Amino acid sequence: MAGRVSTTGKLEMTIDSDKLMSIRRNLAKLRTEYVPGKDDSNPPSVKYLRSLQSAATDESHFVVLTTLLDSECRRFGLIDECDSLGRQMIGRFPEEPMPWIVFAAFLLHTKKNAEEARSVIETGVEKAIRRGKFIRHAYSTRARIARALQDFDLLEDSLKRLLLHDPAIGAEDIALEGDFLINLPPGAISDSVLERYRKLLERQHR
């Protein structure tokens, strides 16, 4: 697995199956060596990825190894390190939308800090619009944060933005999502906006 960063700072990801397979094999083996409650240090798999990350000689390796390290830290509940890694990615790629979107979701779901998540996702939305990619992803995350905050004005605004956005074929983005509408209180947002969004969701799944 490999990543690539262009001279303009654009974050790109590719996959080298041999490298990915080798790393995953090593991780699987190292996970079996960790005994919770017995070892007072970080799991060997986390130490392994951390050592690879610190030895990375270019940005592409750093991106891939940071992503893998973040996943491994989440597996073992190392939340503070996940927080640090998210901030590292934003620091290295401040103009890319995905680090902001991913970190906002982390703040919302893992840190339970919806207020900070809102601040982060607003920047993510700006980056997504500027880059012309992951716009749905950004606004869907924003809608999820709005729902957690019970900020129904922000939720409705996010839905309106999603309704207006028509991504080009092949654009880097996600499909429309609707989990943030489950058990929505009656009258929380405009009936017309809600109906239009649900119809768009239905057409997507036909």
Protein backbone atom coordinates (compact mmCIF):
# COMPACT_ATOMS: atom_id res chain seq x y z
CA MET A 1 0.00 0.00 0.00
CA ALA A 2 1.36 3.39 -0.88
CA GLY A 3 0.35 7.00 -0.97
CA ARG A 4 1.50 9.82 -3.12
CA VAL A 5 1.71 13.56 -2.56
CA SER A 6 2.04 15.80 -5.56
CA THR A 7 4.22 18.89 -5.66
CA THR A 8 1.10 20.95 -4.95
CA GLY A 9 0.49 19.11 -1.70
CA LYS A 10 -2.38 17.03 -3.07
CA LEU A 11 -2.87 13.83 -1.11
CA GLU A 12 -3.27 10.75 -3.27
CA MET A 13 -3.54 7.09 -2.30
CA THR A 14 -2.58 3.99 -4.27
CA ILE A 15 -2.19 0.34 -3.26
CA ASP A 16 0.88 -1.83 -3.46
CA SER A 17 -0.60 -5.25 -2.67
CA ASP A 18 2.73 -6.90 -1.81
CA LYS A 19 3.66 -4.25 0.75
CA LEU A 20 0.19 -4.24 2.22
CA MET A 21 0.14 -8.02 2.52
CA SER A 22 3.53 -8.07 4.23
CA ILE A 23 2.54 -5.41 6.76
CA ARG A 24 -0.78 -7.09 7.51
CA ARG A 25 0.92 -10.45 8.05
CA ASN A 26 3.32 -8.86 10.51
CA LEU A 27 0.46 -7.11 12.30
CA ALA A 28 -1.53 -10.32 12.64
CA LYS A 29 1.45 -12.08 14.19
CA LEU A 30 2.27 -9.22 16.55
CA ARG A 31 -1.32 -8.96 17.80
CA THR A 32 -1.13 -12.51 19.10
CA GLU A 33 1.86 -11.56 21.24
CA TYR A 34 -0.02 -8.94 23.22
CA VAL A 35 -1.63 -9.99 26.50
CA PRO A 36 -3.94 -7.27 27.93
CA GLY A 37 -3.35 -6.74 31.62
CA LYS A 38 0.01 -8.48 31.50
CA ASP A 39 1.92 -6.11 29.27
CA ASP A 40 2.06 -2.57 30.64
CA SER A 41 3.38 -1.11 27.40
CA ASN A 42 1.71 -0.47 24.06
CA PRO A 43 0.82 -3.50 21.93
CA PRO A 44 3.71 -4.76 19.74
CA SER A 45 1.67 -4.10 16.60
CA VAL A 46 1.37 -0.42 17.54
CA LYS A 47 5.10 -0.21 18.29
CA TYR A 48 5.83 -1.84 14.93
CA LEU A 49 3.76 0.64 12.96
CA ARG A 50 5.07 3.55 15.00
CA SER A 51 8.65 2.55 14.17
CA LEU A 52 7.81 2.29 10.47
CA GLN A 53 6.09 5.66 10.54
CA SER A 54 9.02 7.38 12.27
CA ALA A 55 11.41 5.91 9.69
CA ALA A 56 9.32 7.02 6.71
CA THR A 57 11.52 8.89 4.26
CA ASP A 58 8.81 10.53 2.19
CA GLU A 59 5.28 11.81 2.55
CA SER A 60 3.69 8.90 0.71
CA HIS A 61 4.97 6.40 3.26
CA PHE A 62 3.96 8.68 6.11
CA VAL A 63 0.36 8.85 4.85
CA VAL A 64 -0.05 5.11 4.55
CA LEU A 65 1.65 4.25 7.82
CA THR A 66 -0.25 6.92 9.73
CA THR A 67 -3.53 5.54 8.40
CA LEU A 68 -2.58 2.01 9.46
CA LEU A 69 -1.31 3.21 12.83
CA ASP A 70 -4.53 5.08 13.48
CA SER A 71 -6.54 1.94 12.75
CA GLU A 72 -4.35 -0.12 15.05
CA CYS A 73 -4.59 2.42 17.88
CA ARG A 74 -8.38 2.39 17.57
CA ARG A 75 -8.34 -1.41 17.78
CA PHE A 76 -6.62 -1.19 21.16
CA GLY A 77 -8.44 1.87 22.45
CA LEU A 78 -5.45 4.22 22.35
CA ILE A 79 -7.67 7.26 21.88
CA ASP A 80 -5.14 9.96 22.77
CA GLU A 81 -2.74 8.66 20.13
CA CYS A 82 -5.56 8.59 17.55
CA ASP A 83 -6.24 12.23 18.42
CA SER A 84 -2.58 13.09 17.92
CA LEU A 85 -2.43 11.25 14.60
CA GLY A 86 -5.50 13.07 13.31
CA ARG A 87 -3.93 16.41 14.13
CA GLN A 88 -0.70 15.31 12.47
CA MET A 89 -2.51 14.53 9.23
CA ILE A 90 -4.25 17.92 9.24
CA GLY A 91 -0.92 19.60 9.91
CA ARG A 92 0.76 17.86 7.00
CA PHE A 93 -2.12 18.18 4.54
CA PRO A 94 -4.06 21.29 5.61
CA GLU A 95 -5.59 21.85 2.16
CA GLU A 96 -6.95 18.33 1.76
CA PRO A 97 -10.57 17.73 2.88
CA MET A 98 -10.29 14.11 4.04
CA PRO A 99 -8.03 14.66 7.08
CA TRP A 100 -10.51 17.26 8.35
CA ILE A 101 -13.55 15.07 7.63
CA VAL A 102 -12.03 11.97 9.25
CA PHE A 103 -10.89 13.91 12.30
CA ALA A 104 -14.31 15.55 12.72
CA ALA A 105 -15.93 12.09 12.67
CA PHE A 106 -13.38 10.87 15.21
CA LEU A 107 -14.16 13.80 17.52
CA LEU A 108 -17.88 13.14 17.22
CA HIS A 109 -18.00 9.36 17.58
CA THR A 110 -14.94 8.55 19.67
CA LYS A 111 -14.20 11.65 21.72
CA LYS A 112 -17.90 12.60 22.03
CA ASN A 113 -16.93 16.21 21.41
CA ALA A 114 -19.55 17.43 18.96
CA GLU A 115 -18.71 21.10 19.48
CA GLU A 116 -15.09 20.72 18.39
CA ALA A 117 -16.21 18.36 15.63
CA ARG A 118 -18.46 21.12 14.29
CA SER A 119 -15.56 23.55 14.11
CA VAL A 120 -13.37 21.01 12.35
CA ILE A 121 -15.99 19.95 9.80
CA GLU A 122 -16.69 23.55 8.79
CA THR A 123 -13.08 23.73 7.66
CA GLY A 124 -13.48 20.33 6.02
CA VAL A 125 -16.45 21.62 4.04
CA GLU A 126 -14.42 24.61 2.86
CA LYS A 127 -11.54 22.36 1.74
CA ALA A 128 -13.92 19.96 -0.02
CA ILE A 129 -15.54 22.77 -2.00
CA ARG A 130 -12.17 24.27 -2.88
CA ARG A 131 -10.78 20.91 -4.00
CA GLY A 132 -14.01 19.83 -5.68
CA LYS A 133 -14.11 16.42 -4.00
CA PHE A 134 -15.66 14.69 -0.98
CA ILE A 135 -18.31 17.40 -0.82
CA ARG A 136 -21.07 14.89 0.01
CA HIS A 137 -18.82 13.29 2.58
CA ALA A 138 -18.18 16.63 4.24
CA TYR A 139 -21.82 17.73 4.34
CA SER A 140 -23.00 14.28 5.48
CA THR A 141 -20.53 14.43 8.37
CA ARG A 142 -21.74 17.96 9.09
CA ALA A 143 -25.34 16.71 9.15
CA ARG A 144 -24.38 13.94 11.57
CA ILE A 145 -22.70 16.44 13.87
CA ALA A 146 -25.70 18.77 13.64
CA ARG A 147 -27.98 15.91 14.67
CA ALA A 148 -25.77 15.13 17.67
CA LEU A 149 -25.93 18.78 18.70
CA GLN A 150 -29.67 18.90 17.97
CA ASP A 151 -28.91 21.90 15.79
CA PHE A 152 -31.74 21.39 13.32
CA ASP A 153 -31.03 24.60 11.44
CA LEU A 154 -27.54 23.29 10.67
CA LEU A 155 -28.99 19.89 9.76
CA GLU A 156 -31.48 21.44 7.35
CA ASP A 157 -28.78 23.61 5.80
CA SER A 158 -26.62 20.51 5.29
CA LEU A 159 -29.49 18.69 3.56
CA LYS A 160 -30.10 21.66 1.30
CA ARG A 161 -26.44 21.72 0.32
CA LEU A 162 -26.54 18.00 -0.41
CA LEU A 163 -29.63 18.48 -2.56
CA LEU A 164 -27.91 21.19 -4.56
CA HIS A 165 -24.69 19.23 -5.07
CA ASP A 166 -24.60 17.04 -8.17
CA PRO A 167 -21.22 15.30 -8.30
CA ALA A 168 -19.75 14.52 -11.69
CA ILE A 169 -19.48 10.89 -12.76
CA GLY A 170 -16.31 9.46 -11.27
CA ALA A 171 -15.93 12.22 -8.70
CA GLU A 172 -14.13 11.35 -5.48
CA ASP A 173 -16.98 11.15 -3.00
CA ILE A 174 -19.47 8.89 -1.23
CA ALA A 175 -23.08 7.96 -1.90
CA LEU A 176 -25.86 9.88 -0.20
CA GLU A 177 -26.46 8.83 3.40
CA GLY A 178 -29.50 9.12 5.62
CA ASP A 179 -28.68 7.74 9.07
CA PHE A 180 -28.90 11.24 10.52
CA LEU A 181 -32.62 11.30 9.66
CA ILE A 182 -33.56 8.26 11.77
CA ASN A 183 -36.10 9.12 14.49
CA LEU A 184 -36.00 12.77 13.51
CA PRO A 185 -38.44 14.74 15.73
CA PRO A 186 -41.55 15.87 13.83
CA GLY A 187 -41.18 19.42 12.55
CA ALA A 188 -37.45 19.56 13.28
CA ILE A 189 -36.74 20.57 9.70
CA SER A 190 -38.81 21.67 6.73
CA ASP A 191 -41.13 18.93 5.44
CA SER A 192 -40.36 19.88 1.85
CA VAL A 193 -36.59 19.59 2.35
CA LEU A 194 -37.01 16.29 4.16
CA GLU A 195 -39.27 14.87 1.44
CA ARG A 196 -36.96 15.94 -1.37
CA TYR A 197 -33.94 14.43 0.36
CA ARG A 198 -35.69 11.13 1.05
CA LYS A 199 -36.84 10.91 -2.57
CA LEU A 200 -33.25 11.48 -3.71
CA LEU A 201 -32.11 8.69 -1.40
CA GLU A 202 -34.75 6.36 -2.82
CA ARG A 203 -33.71 7.10 -6.42
CA GLN A 204 -30.11 6.38 -5.53
CA HIS A 205 -30.97 2.88 -4.28
CA ARG A 206 -33.11 1.84 -7.26
